[in-house]
Amino acid sequence: MANLVYNPQEIDIAIGNTPAAKYMQTLAGQCEGKQPVYGGIVEIETMHTNFRMNAIPEALLSGGLLEYEDFLAARRRLMAERWKTYYWSL
């Protein structure tokens, strides 16, 4: 359940069955070339901020964590840290 994210339909359709490695390479590349392919983020710092806000491991942008189970484990840690930070802010 914790791996559900909002993804606009047009982006979901564009991604289709694209392997994670190629999809992430394209995301990183659209920031280098400033040409959006998936969504409108074309600045690498904006992409990193988006990943942090959504508890997505930033290692994905550099080709790491492409095995789904590794991704899930890293994301669980990020989400737990966010929940902990929020809890201690109450």
PDB file of N, CA and C in Angstrom:
ATOM      1  N   MET A   1       0.801  -1.196   0.000  1.00  0.00           N
ATOM      2  CA  MET A   1       0.000   0.000   0.000  1.00  0.00           C
ATOM      3  C   MET A   1       0.844   1.261   0.000  1.00  0.00           C
ATOM      4  N   ALA A   2       1.958   1.232   0.684  1.00  0.00           N
ATOM      5  CA  ALA A   2       2.781   2.431   0.813  1.00  0.00           C
ATOM      6  C   ALA A   2       3.474   2.796  -0.488  1.00  0.00           C
ATOM      7  N   ASN A   3       3.394   1.948  -1.491  1.00  0.00           N
ATOM      8  CA  ASN A   3       4.076   2.244  -2.739  1.00  0.00           C
ATOM      9  C   ASN A   3       3.147   2.875  -3.769  1.00  0.00           C
ATOM     10  N   LEU A   4       1.937   3.224  -3.370  1.00  0.00           N
ATOM     11  CA  LEU A   4       1.014   3.858  -4.297  1.00  0.00           C
ATOM     12  C   LEU A   4       1.324   5.339  -4.390  1.00  0.00           C
ATOM     13  N   VAL A   5       1.400   5.846  -5.608  1.00  0.00           N
ATOM     14  CA  VAL A   5       1.641   7.271  -5.823  1.00  0.00           C
ATOM     15  C   VAL A   5       0.693   7.758  -6.902  1.00  0.00           C
ATOM     16  N   TYR A   6       0.411   9.055  -6.878  1.00  0.00           N
ATOM     17  CA  TYR A   6      -0.392   9.659  -7.929  1.00  0.00           C
ATOM     18  C   TYR A   6       0.474   9.812  -9.163  1.00  0.00           C
ATOM     19  N   ASN A   7      -0.024   9.357 -10.278  1.00  0.00           N
ATOM     20  CA  ASN A   7       0.678   9.498 -11.545  1.00  0.00           C
ATOM     21  C   ASN A   7      -0.368   9.889 -12.586  1.00  0.00           C
ATOM     22  N   PRO A   8      -0.261  11.090 -13.156  1.00  0.00           N
ATOM     23  CA  PRO A   8      -1.255  11.493 -14.150  1.00  0.00           C
ATOM     24  C   PRO A   8      -1.367  10.458 -15.273  1.00  0.00           C
ATOM     25  N   GLN A   9      -2.576  10.289 -15.764  1.00  0.00           N
ATOM     26  CA  GLN A   9      -2.839   9.259 -16.772  1.00  0.00           C
ATOM     27  C   GLN A   9      -1.931   9.381 -17.982  1.00  0.00           C
ATOM     28  N   GLU A  10      -1.704  10.600 -18.462  1.00  0.00           N
ATOM     29  CA  GLU A  10      -0.888  10.749 -19.671  1.00  0.00           C
ATOM     30  C   GLU A  10       0.548  10.287 -19.440  1.00  0.00           C
ATOM     31  N   ILE A  11       1.064  10.487 -18.225  1.00  0.00           N
ATOM     32  CA  ILE A  11       2.414  10.008 -17.916  1.00  0.00           C
ATOM     33  C   ILE A  11       2.409   8.492 -17.799  1.00  0.00           C
ATOM     34  N   ASP A  12       1.393   7.961 -17.129  1.00  0.00           N
ATOM     35  CA  ASP A  12       1.286   6.510 -16.971  1.00  0.00           C
ATOM     36  C   ASP A  12       1.221   5.818 -18.330  1.00  0.00           C
ATOM     37  N   ILE A  13       0.459   6.380 -19.236  1.00  0.00           N
ATOM     38  CA  ILE A  13       0.352   5.811 -20.590  1.00  0.00           C
ATOM     39  C   ILE A  13       1.694   5.909 -21.309  1.00  0.00           C
ATOM     40  N   ALA A  14       2.384   7.046 -21.182  1.00  0.00           N
ATOM     41  CA  ALA A  14       3.683   7.225 -21.844  1.00  0.00           C
ATOM     42  C   ALA A  14       4.721   6.228 -21.313  1.00  0.00           C
ATOM     43  N   ILE A  15       4.686   5.976 -20.002  1.00  0.00           N
ATOM     44  CA  ILE A  15       5.636   5.030 -19.407  1.00  0.00           C
ATOM     45  C   ILE A  15       5.325   3.615 -19.874  1.00  0.00           C
ATOM     46  N   GLY A  16       4.046   3.256 -19.860  1.00  0.00           N
ATOM     47  CA  GLY A  16       3.629   1.924 -20.311  1.00  0.00           C
ATOM     48  C   GLY A  16       4.401   0.822 -19.609  1.00  0.00           C
ATOM     49  N   ASN A  17       5.003  -0.051 -20.386  1.00  0.00           N
ATOM     50  CA  ASN A  17       5.782  -1.171 -19.850  1.00  0.00           C
ATOM     51  C   ASN A  17       7.284  -0.913 -19.925  1.00  0.00           C
ATOM     52  N   THR A  18       7.667   0.346 -19.962  1.00  0.00           N
ATOM     53  CA  THR A  18       9.083   0.692 -20.041  1.00  0.00           C
ATOM     54  C   THR A  18       9.813   0.153 -18.817  1.00  0.00           C
ATOM     55  N   PRO A  19      10.927  -0.557 -19.014  1.00  0.00           N
ATOM     56  CA  PRO A  19      11.699  -1.058 -17.866  1.00  0.00           C
ATOM     57  C   PRO A  19      12.171   0.100 -16.983  1.00  0.00           C
ATOM     58  N   ALA A  20      12.232  -0.149 -15.685  1.00  0.00           N
ATOM     59  CA  ALA A  20      12.613   0.888 -14.719  1.00  0.00           C
ATOM     60  C   ALA A  20      13.945   1.545 -15.079  1.00  0.00           C
ATOM     61  N   ALA A  21      14.922   0.761 -15.498  1.00  0.00           N
ATOM     62  CA  ALA A  21      16.240   1.329 -15.818  1.00  0.00           C
ATOM     63  C   ALA A  21      16.131   2.364 -16.934  1.00  0.00           C
ATOM     64  N   LYS A  22      15.360   2.062 -17.970  1.00  0.00           N
ATOM     65  CA  LYS A  22      15.213   2.993 -19.095  1.00  0.00           C
ATOM     66  C   LYS A  22      14.388   4.210 -18.680  1.00  0.00           C
ATOM     67  N   TYR A  23      13.328   3.974 -17.925  1.00  0.00           N
ATOM     68  CA  TYR A  23      12.475   5.072 -17.471  1.00  0.00           C
ATOM     69  C   TYR A  23      13.271   6.052 -16.611  1.00  0.00           C
ATOM     70  N   MET A  24      14.044   5.542 -15.675  1.00  0.00           N
ATOM     71  CA  MET A  24      14.828   6.412 -14.796  1.00  0.00           C
ATOM     72  C   MET A  24      15.928   7.126 -15.577  1.00  0.00           C
ATOM     73  N   GLN A  25      16.528   6.449 -16.549  1.00  0.00           N
ATOM     74  CA  GLN A  25      17.543   7.076 -17.393  1.00  0.00           C
ATOM     75  C   GLN A  25      16.920   8.237 -18.181  1.00  0.00           C
ATOM     76  N   THR A  26      15.705   8.041 -18.658  1.00  0.00           N
ATOM     77  CA  THR A  26      15.006   9.097 -19.383  1.00  0.00           C
ATOM     78  C   THR A  26      14.690  10.273 -18.467  1.00  0.00           C
ATOM     79  N   LEU A  27      14.254   9.993 -17.234  1.00  0.00           N
ATOM     80  CA  LEU A  27      13.978  11.067 -16.276  1.00  0.00           C
ATOM     81  C   LEU A  27      15.219  11.905 -16.017  1.00  0.00           C
ATOM     82  N   ALA A  28      16.339  11.234 -15.767  1.00  0.00           N
ATOM     83  CA  ALA A  28      17.593  11.960 -15.523  1.00  0.00           C
ATOM     84  C   ALA A  28      17.994  12.743 -16.772  1.00  0.00           C
ATOM     85  N   GLY A  29      17.823  12.144 -17.940  1.00  0.00           N
ATOM     86  CA  GLY A  29      18.187  12.792 -19.196  1.00  0.00           C
ATOM     87  C   GLY A  29      17.344  14.006 -19.520  1.00  0.00           C
ATOM     88  N   GLN A  30      16.083  13.986 -19.118  1.00  0.00           N
ATOM     89  CA  GLN A  30      15.246  15.143 -19.436  1.00  0.00           C
ATOM     90  C   GLN A  30      15.688  16.362 -18.644  1.00  0.00           C
ATOM     91  N   CYS A  31      16.374  16.154 -17.537  1.00  0.00           N
ATOM     92  CA  CYS A  31      16.911  17.286 -16.779  1.00  0.00           C
ATOM     93  C   CYS A  31      18.193  17.804 -17.428  1.00  0.00           C
ATOM     94  N   GLU A  32      18.941  16.925 -18.045  1.00  0.00           N
ATOM     95  CA  GLU A  32      20.164  17.353 -18.726  1.00  0.00           C
ATOM     96  C   GLU A  32      19.837  18.116 -20.007  1.00  0.00           C
ATOM     97  N   GLY A  33      18.883  17.601 -20.771  1.00  0.00           N
ATOM     98  CA  GLY A  33      18.553  18.222 -22.050  1.00  0.00           C
ATOM     99  C   GLY A  33      17.435  19.243 -21.977  1.00  0.00           C
ATOM    100  N   LYS A  34      16.827  19.374 -20.798  1.00  0.00           N
ATOM    101  CA  LYS A  34      15.725  20.330 -20.581  1.00  0.00           C
ATOM    102  C   LYS A  34      14.537  20.068 -21.499  1.00  0.00           C
ATOM    103  N   GLN A  35      14.391  18.810 -21.934  1.00  0.00           N
ATOM    104  CA  GLN A  35      13.270  18.415 -22.777  1.00  0.00           C
ATOM    105  C   GLN A  35      12.406  17.413 -22.017  1.00  0.00           C
ATOM    106  N   PRO A  36      11.209  17.825 -21.558  1.00  0.00           N
ATOM    107  CA  PRO A  36      10.363  16.906 -20.792  1.00  0.00           C
ATOM    108  C   PRO A  36       9.862  15.738 -21.631  1.00  0.00           C
ATOM    109  N   VAL A  37       9.944  14.558 -21.068  1.00  0.00           N
ATOM    110  CA  VAL A  37       9.415  13.347 -21.692  1.00  0.00           C
ATOM    111  C   VAL A  37       8.296  12.808 -20.804  1.00  0.00           C
ATOM    112  N   TYR A  38       8.589  12.656 -19.518  1.00  0.00           N
ATOM    113  CA  TYR A  38       7.620  12.196 -18.526  1.00  0.00           C
ATOM    114  C   TYR A  38       7.406  13.334 -17.530  1.00  0.00           C
ATOM    115  N   GLY A  39       6.310  14.036 -17.630  1.00  0.00           N
ATOM    116  CA  GLY A  39       6.043  15.141 -16.715  1.00  0.00           C
ATOM    117  C   GLY A  39       6.819  16.379 -17.125  1.00  0.00           C
ATOM    118  N   GLY A  40       6.722  17.419 -16.317  1.00  0.00           N
ATOM    119  CA  GLY A  40       7.317  18.693 -16.693  1.00  0.00           C
ATOM    120  C   GLY A  40       8.582  19.075 -15.954  1.00  0.00           C
ATOM    121  N   ILE A  41       9.142  18.190 -15.141  1.00  0.00           N
ATOM    122  CA  ILE A  41      10.348  18.533 -14.385  1.00  0.00           C
ATOM    123  C   ILE A  41      11.565  18.429 -15.301  1.00  0.00           C
ATOM    124  N   VAL A  42      12.283  19.553 -15.449  1.00  0.00           N
ATOM    125  CA  VAL A  42      13.479  19.562 -16.292  1.00  0.00           C
ATOM    126  C   VAL A  42      14.698  20.123 -15.554  1.00  0.00           C
ATOM    127  N   GLU A  43      14.567  20.346 -14.262  1.00  0.00           N
ATOM    128  CA  GLU A  43      15.687  20.806 -13.438  1.00  0.00           C
ATOM    129  C   GLU A  43      16.033  19.695 -12.455  1.00  0.00           C
ATOM    130  N   ILE A  44      17.292  19.316 -12.398  1.00  0.00           N
ATOM    131  CA  ILE A  44      17.698  18.185 -11.559  1.00  0.00           C
ATOM    132  C   ILE A  44      17.414  18.443 -10.083  1.00  0.00           C
ATOM    133  N   GLU A  45      17.583  19.672  -9.615  1.00  0.00           N
ATOM    134  CA  GLU A  45      17.307  19.956  -8.201  1.00  0.00           C
ATOM    135  C   GLU A  45      15.811  19.814  -7.914  1.00  0.00           C
ATOM    136  N   THR A  46      14.969  20.208  -8.867  1.00  0.00           N
ATOM    137  CA  THR A  46      13.527  20.027  -8.708  1.00  0.00           C
ATOM    138  C   THR A  46      13.185  18.550  -8.650  1.00  0.00           C
ATOM    139  N   MET A  47      13.867  17.744  -9.466  1.00  0.00           N
ATOM    140  CA  MET A  47      13.643  16.299  -9.465  1.00  0.00           C
ATOM    141  C   MET A  47      14.039  15.709  -8.111  1.00  0.00           C
ATOM    142  N   HIS A  48      15.208  16.118  -7.594  1.00  0.00           N
ATOM    143  CA  HIS A  48      15.644  15.626  -6.285  1.00  0.00           C
ATOM    144  C   HIS A  48      14.663  16.039  -5.194  1.00  0.00           C
ATOM    145  N   THR A  49      14.181  17.278  -5.246  1.00  0.00           N
ATOM    146  CA  THR A  49      13.205  17.751  -4.266  1.00  0.00           C
ATOM    147  C   THR A  49      11.928  16.929  -4.345  1.00  0.00           C
ATOM    148  N   ASN A  50      11.471  16.662  -5.553  1.00  0.00           N
ATOM    149  CA  ASN A  50      10.274  15.860  -5.747  1.00  0.00           C
ATOM    150  C   ASN A  50      10.462  14.456  -5.171  1.00  0.00           C
ATOM    151  N   PHE A  51      11.608  13.862  -5.419  1.00  0.00           N
ATOM    152  CA  PHE A  51      11.887  12.531  -4.878  1.00  0.00           C
ATOM    153  C   PHE A  51      11.877  12.565  -3.353  1.00  0.00           C
ATOM    154  N   ARG A  52      12.525  13.577  -2.756  1.00  0.00           N
ATOM    155  CA  ARG A  52      12.557  13.677  -1.292  1.00  0.00           C
ATOM    156  C   ARG A  52      11.148  13.861  -0.728  1.00  0.00           C
ATOM    157  N   MET A  53      10.347  14.706  -1.350  1.00  0.00           N
ATOM    158  CA  MET A  53       8.988  14.962  -0.872  1.00  0.00           C
ATOM    159  C   MET A  53       8.116  13.710  -0.931  1.00  0.00           C
ATOM    160  N   ASN A  54       8.408  12.830  -1.858  1.00  0.00           N
ATOM    161  CA  ASN A  54       7.603  11.624  -2.036  1.00  0.00           C
ATOM    162  C   ASN A  54       8.282  10.355  -1.539  1.00  0.00           C
ATOM    163  N   ALA A  55       9.355  10.526  -0.768  1.00  0.00           N
ATOM    164  CA  ALA A  55      10.077   9.392  -0.182  1.00  0.00           C
ATOM    165  C   ALA A  55      10.510   8.386  -1.247  1.00  0.00           C
ATOM    166  N   ILE A  56      11.028   8.903  -2.344  1.00  0.00           N
ATOM    167  CA  ILE A  56      11.560   8.064  -3.423  1.00  0.00           C
ATOM    168  C   ILE A  56      13.077   8.101  -3.313  1.00  0.00           C
ATOM    169  N   PRO A  57      13.730   6.941  -3.257  1.00  0.00           N
ATOM    170  CA  PRO A  57      15.188   6.932  -3.152  1.00  0.00           C
ATOM    171  C   PRO A  57      15.839   7.635  -4.344  1.00  0.00           C
ATOM    172  N   GLU A  58      16.653   8.630  -4.065  1.00  0.00           N
ATOM    173  CA  GLU A  58      17.305   9.400  -5.129  1.00  0.00           C
ATOM    174  C   GLU A  58      18.322   8.576  -5.910  1.00  0.00           C
ATOM    175  N   ALA A  59      18.741   7.450  -5.347  1.00  0.00           N
ATOM    176  CA  ALA A  59      19.682   6.570  -6.055  1.00  0.00           C
ATOM    177  C   ALA A  59      19.100   6.074  -7.377  1.00  0.00           C
ATOM    178  N   LEU A  60      17.787   6.111  -7.517  1.00  0.00           N
ATOM    179  CA  LEU A  60      17.164   5.686  -8.777  1.00  0.00           C
ATOM    180  C   LEU A  60      17.645   6.522  -9.948  1.00  0.00           C
ATOM    181  N   LEU A  61      17.872   7.809  -9.710  1.00  0.00           N
ATOM    182  CA  LEU A  61      18.293   8.686 -10.809  1.00  0.00           C
ATOM    183  C   LEU A  61      19.680   8.358 -11.322  1.00  0.00           C
ATOM    184  N   SER A  62      20.498   7.725 -10.503  1.00  0.00           N
ATOM    185  CA  SER A  62      21.852   7.387 -10.944  1.00  0.00           C
ATOM    186  C   SER A  62      21.974   5.905 -11.301  1.00  0.00           C
ATOM    187  N   GLY A  63      20.826   5.242 -11.470  1.00  0.00           N
ATOM    188  CA  GLY A  63      20.846   3.848 -11.906  1.00  0.00           C
ATOM    189  C   GLY A  63      20.873   2.833 -10.789  1.00  0.00           C
ATOM    190  N   GLY A  64      20.745   3.271  -9.543  1.00  0.00           N
ATOM    191  CA  GLY A  64      20.750   2.340  -8.420  1.00  0.00           C
ATOM    192  C   GLY A  64      19.348   1.911  -8.031  1.00  0.00           C
ATOM    193  N   LEU A  65      19.267   0.872  -7.228  1.00  0.00           N
ATOM    194  CA  LEU A  65      18.013   0.367  -6.668  1.00  0.00           C
ATOM    195  C   LEU A  65      16.972   0.002  -7.713  1.00  0.00           C
ATOM    196  N   LEU A  66      17.397  -0.555  -8.822  1.00  0.00           N
ATOM    197  CA  LEU A  66      16.436  -0.890  -9.859  1.00  0.00           C
ATOM    198  C   LEU A  66      15.738  -2.223  -9.609  1.00  0.00           C
ATOM    199  N   GLU A  67      16.245  -3.006  -8.667  1.00  0.00           N
ATOM    200  CA  GLU A  67      15.530  -4.217  -8.276  1.00  0.00           C
ATOM    201  C   GLU A  67      14.384  -3.784  -7.370  1.00  0.00           C
ATOM    202  N   TYR A  68      13.195  -4.235  -7.664  1.00  0.00           N
ATOM    203  CA  TYR A  68      12.003  -3.754  -6.979  1.00  0.00           C
ATOM    204  C   TYR A  68      12.077  -3.936  -5.461  1.00  0.00           C
ATOM    205  N   GLU A  69      12.528  -5.084  -5.012  1.00  0.00           N
ATOM    206  CA  GLU A  69      12.608  -5.337  -3.560  1.00  0.00           C
ATOM    207  C   GLU A  69      13.596  -4.384  -2.893  1.00  0.00           C
ATOM    208  N   ASP A  70      14.711  -4.074  -3.557  1.00  0.00           N
ATOM    209  CA  ASP A  70      15.678  -3.110  -3.012  1.00  0.00           C
ATOM    210  C   ASP A  70      15.061  -1.719  -2.935  1.00  0.00           C
ATOM    211  N   PHE A  71      14.327  -1.356  -3.983  1.00  0.00           N
ATOM    212  CA  PHE A  71      13.629  -0.067  -4.004  1.00  0.00           C
ATOM    213  C   PHE A  71      12.639   0.027  -2.843  1.00  0.00           C
ATOM    214  N   LEU A  72      11.835  -1.028  -2.663  1.00  0.00           N
ATOM    215  CA  LEU A  72      10.843  -1.016  -1.591  1.00  0.00           C
ATOM    216  C   LEU A  72      11.487  -0.891  -0.217  1.00  0.00           C
ATOM    217  N   ALA A  73      12.591  -1.604   0.003  1.00  0.00           N
ATOM    218  CA  ALA A  73      13.277  -1.526   1.300  1.00  0.00           C
ATOM    219  C   ALA A  73      13.793  -0.109   1.550  1.00  0.00           C
ATOM    220  N   ALA A  74      14.388   0.501   0.536  1.00  0.00           N
ATOM    221  CA  ALA A  74      14.904   1.862   0.692  1.00  0.00           C
ATOM    222  C   ALA A  74      13.757   2.847   0.904  1.00  0.00           C
ATOM    223  N   ARG A  75      12.664   2.658   0.192  1.00  0.00           N
ATOM    224  CA  ARG A  75      11.528   3.567   0.341  1.00  0.00           C
ATOM    225  C   ARG A  75      10.886   3.420   1.718  1.00  0.00           C
ATOM    226  N   ARG A  76      10.812   2.203   2.225  1.00  0.00           N
ATOM    227  CA  ARG A  76      10.270   2.009   3.576  1.00  0.00           C
ATOM    228  C   ARG A  76      11.081   2.782   4.600  1.00  0.00           C
ATOM    229  N   ARG A  77      12.414   2.757   4.454  1.00  0.00           N
ATOM    230  CA  ARG A  77      13.270   3.500   5.390  1.00  0.00           C
ATOM    231  C   ARG A  77      13.010   5.005   5.288  1.00  0.00           C
ATOM    232  N   LEU A  78      12.899   5.519   4.072  1.00  0.00           N
ATOM    233  CA  LEU A  78      12.634   6.943   3.889  1.00  0.00           C
ATOM    234  C   LEU A  78      11.276   7.340   4.461  1.00  0.00           C
ATOM    235  N   MET A  79      10.287   6.513   4.223  1.00  0.00           N
ATOM    236  CA  MET A  79       8.950   6.820   4.741  1.00  0.00           C
ATOM    237  C   MET A  79       8.931   6.754   6.268  1.00  0.00           C
ATOM    238  N   ALA A  80       9.600   5.786   6.837  1.00  0.00           N
ATOM    239  CA  ALA A  80       9.660   5.674   8.297  1.00  0.00           C
ATOM    240  C   ALA A  80      10.341   6.898   8.895  1.00  0.00           C
ATOM    241  N   GLU A  81      11.379   7.379   8.237  1.00  0.00           N
ATOM    242  CA  GLU A  81      12.070   8.582   8.724  1.00  0.00           C
ATOM    243  C   GLU A  81      11.142   9.793   8.672  1.00  0.00           C
ATOM    244  N   ARG A  82      10.374   9.904   7.616  1.00  0.00           N
ATOM    245  CA  ARG A  82       9.418  11.022   7.520  1.00  0.00           C
ATOM    246  C   ARG A  82       8.363  10.932   8.605  1.00  0.00           C
ATOM    247  N   TRP A  83       7.852   9.732   8.832  1.00  0.00           N
ATOM    248  CA  TRP A  83       6.842   9.561   9.886  1.00  0.00           C
ATOM    249  C   TRP A  83       7.430   9.886  11.252  1.00  0.00           C
ATOM    250  N   LYS A  84       8.655   9.445  11.492  1.00  0.00           N
ATOM    251  CA  LYS A  84       9.327   9.729  12.765  1.00  0.00           C
ATOM    252  C   LYS A  84       9.509  11.230  12.956  1.00  0.00           C
ATOM    253  N   THR A  85       9.971  11.902  11.917  1.00  0.00           N
ATOM    254  CA  THR A  85      10.164  13.354  11.997  1.00  0.00           C
ATOM    255  C   THR A  85       8.844  14.050  12.290  1.00  0.00           C
ATOM    256  N   TYR A  86       7.784  13.632  11.615  1.00  0.00           N
ATOM    257  CA  TYR A  86       6.490  14.233  11.843  1.00  0.00           C
ATOM    258  C   TYR A  86       6.022  13.970  13.278  1.00  0.00           C
ATOM    259  N   TYR A  87       6.145  12.728  13.724  1.00  0.00           N
ATOM    260  CA  TYR A  87       5.707  12.376  15.072  1.00  0.00           C
ATOM    261  C   TYR A  87       6.407  13.239  16.120  1.00  0.00           C
ATOM    262  N   TRP A  88       7.702  13.401  16.007  1.00  0.00           N
ATOM    263  CA  TRP A  88       8.447  14.166  16.998  1.00  0.00           C
ATOM    264  C   TRP A  88       8.198  15.670  16.876  1.00  0.00           C
ATOM    265  N   SER A  89       7.561  16.088  15.778  1.00  0.00           N
ATOM    266  CA  SER A  89       7.228  17.512  15.644  1.00  0.00           C
ATOM    267  C   SER A  89       5.904  17.865  16.324  1.00  0.00           C
ATOM    268  N   LEU A  90       5.157  16.837  16.715  1.00  0.00           N
ATOM    269  CA  LEU A  90       3.833  17.088  17.346  1.00  0.00           C
ATOM    270  C   LEU A  90       3.977  17.664  18.737  1.00  0.00           C
TER     271      LEU A  90
END
